[in-house]
Protein backbone atom coordinates (compact mmCIF):
# COMPACT_ATOMS: atom_id res chain seq x y z
CA UNK A 1 -47.35 26.05 -6.77
CA UNK A 2 -45.67 26.96 -10.06
CA UNK A 3 -46.19 30.68 -9.46
CA UNK A 4 -44.56 30.34 -6.04
CA UNK A 5 -41.61 28.56 -7.62
CA UNK A 6 -41.24 31.28 -10.25
CA UNK A 7 -40.77 33.84 -7.50
CA UNK A 8 -37.67 32.12 -6.11
CA UNK A 9 -35.98 31.13 -9.38
CA UNK A 10 -33.74 33.69 -11.05
CA UNK A 11 -35.60 34.97 -14.13
CA UNK A 12 -38.45 32.64 -13.21
CA UNK A 13 -41.05 34.17 -15.52
CA UNK A 14 -38.62 34.19 -18.46
CA UNK A 15 -37.79 30.54 -17.77
CA UNK A 16 -41.51 29.67 -17.61
CA UNK A 17 -42.15 31.33 -20.99
CA UNK A 18 -39.25 29.36 -22.47
CA UNK A 19 -40.52 26.08 -21.00
CA UNK A 20 -44.02 26.87 -22.28
CA UNK A 21 -42.62 27.40 -25.80
CA UNK A 22 -40.74 24.09 -25.60
CA UNK A 23 -43.88 22.27 -24.44
CA UNK A 24 -45.90 23.88 -27.21
CA UNK A 25 -43.34 22.83 -29.84
CA UNK A 26 -43.56 19.22 -28.59
CA UNK A 27 -47.36 19.36 -28.71
CA UNK A 28 -47.42 17.78 -32.16
CA UNK A 29 -46.05 14.56 -30.72
CA UNK A 30 -48.07 14.44 -27.52
CA UNK A 31 -50.02 17.14 -25.75
CA UNK A 32 -48.12 17.10 -22.46
CA UNK A 33 -50.44 19.51 -20.68
CA UNK A 34 -53.45 17.40 -21.59
CA UNK A 35 -51.68 14.16 -20.64
CA UNK A 36 -50.67 15.55 -17.24
CA UNK A 37 -54.13 16.92 -16.53
CA UNK A 38 -55.91 13.76 -17.70
CA UNK A 39 -53.73 11.47 -15.60
CA UNK A 40 -54.05 13.78 -12.59
CA UNK A 41 -57.86 13.75 -12.90
CA UNK A 42 -57.87 9.97 -13.22
CA UNK A 43 -55.76 9.80 -10.07
CA UNK A 44 -58.17 12.08 -8.22
CA UNK A 45 -61.32 10.16 -9.15
CA UNK A 46 -59.97 6.65 -8.69
CA UNK A 47 -60.79 5.47 -5.20
CA UNK A 48 -59.80 2.36 -3.34
CA UNK A 49 -57.41 0.85 -5.89
CA UNK A 50 -54.06 2.09 -4.62
CA UNK A 51 -52.07 0.34 -7.37
CA UNK A 52 -54.17 2.00 -10.05
CA UNK A 53 -53.90 5.40 -8.34
CA UNK A 54 -50.12 5.03 -8.15
CA UNK A 55 -50.03 4.18 -11.85
CA UNK A 56 -51.94 7.38 -12.74
CA UNK A 57 -49.77 9.63 -10.58
CA UNK A 58 -46.59 7.99 -11.94
CA UNK A 59 -47.76 8.58 -15.52
CA UNK A 60 -48.54 12.19 -14.67
CA UNK A 61 -45.10 12.67 -13.09
CA UNK A 62 -43.36 11.14 -16.12
CA UNK A 63 -45.25 13.46 -18.47
CA UNK A 64 -44.29 16.39 -16.26
CA UNK A 65 -40.62 15.32 -16.39
CA UNK A 66 -40.78 15.28 -20.20
């Protein structure tokens, strides 16, 4: 999905490299990539408890917004 988005944004690959550098510089505080992936996995494996699933996907989205 990200690669598709990069193709339609002006200077998409340059912007992605910049965003990656920003994320990496914030890694000392919290590893955003790990937080997003962990919450997304928790969302995927949690079954039946819709409130809990919504909580995981919301946390993942908030980390992605950061």
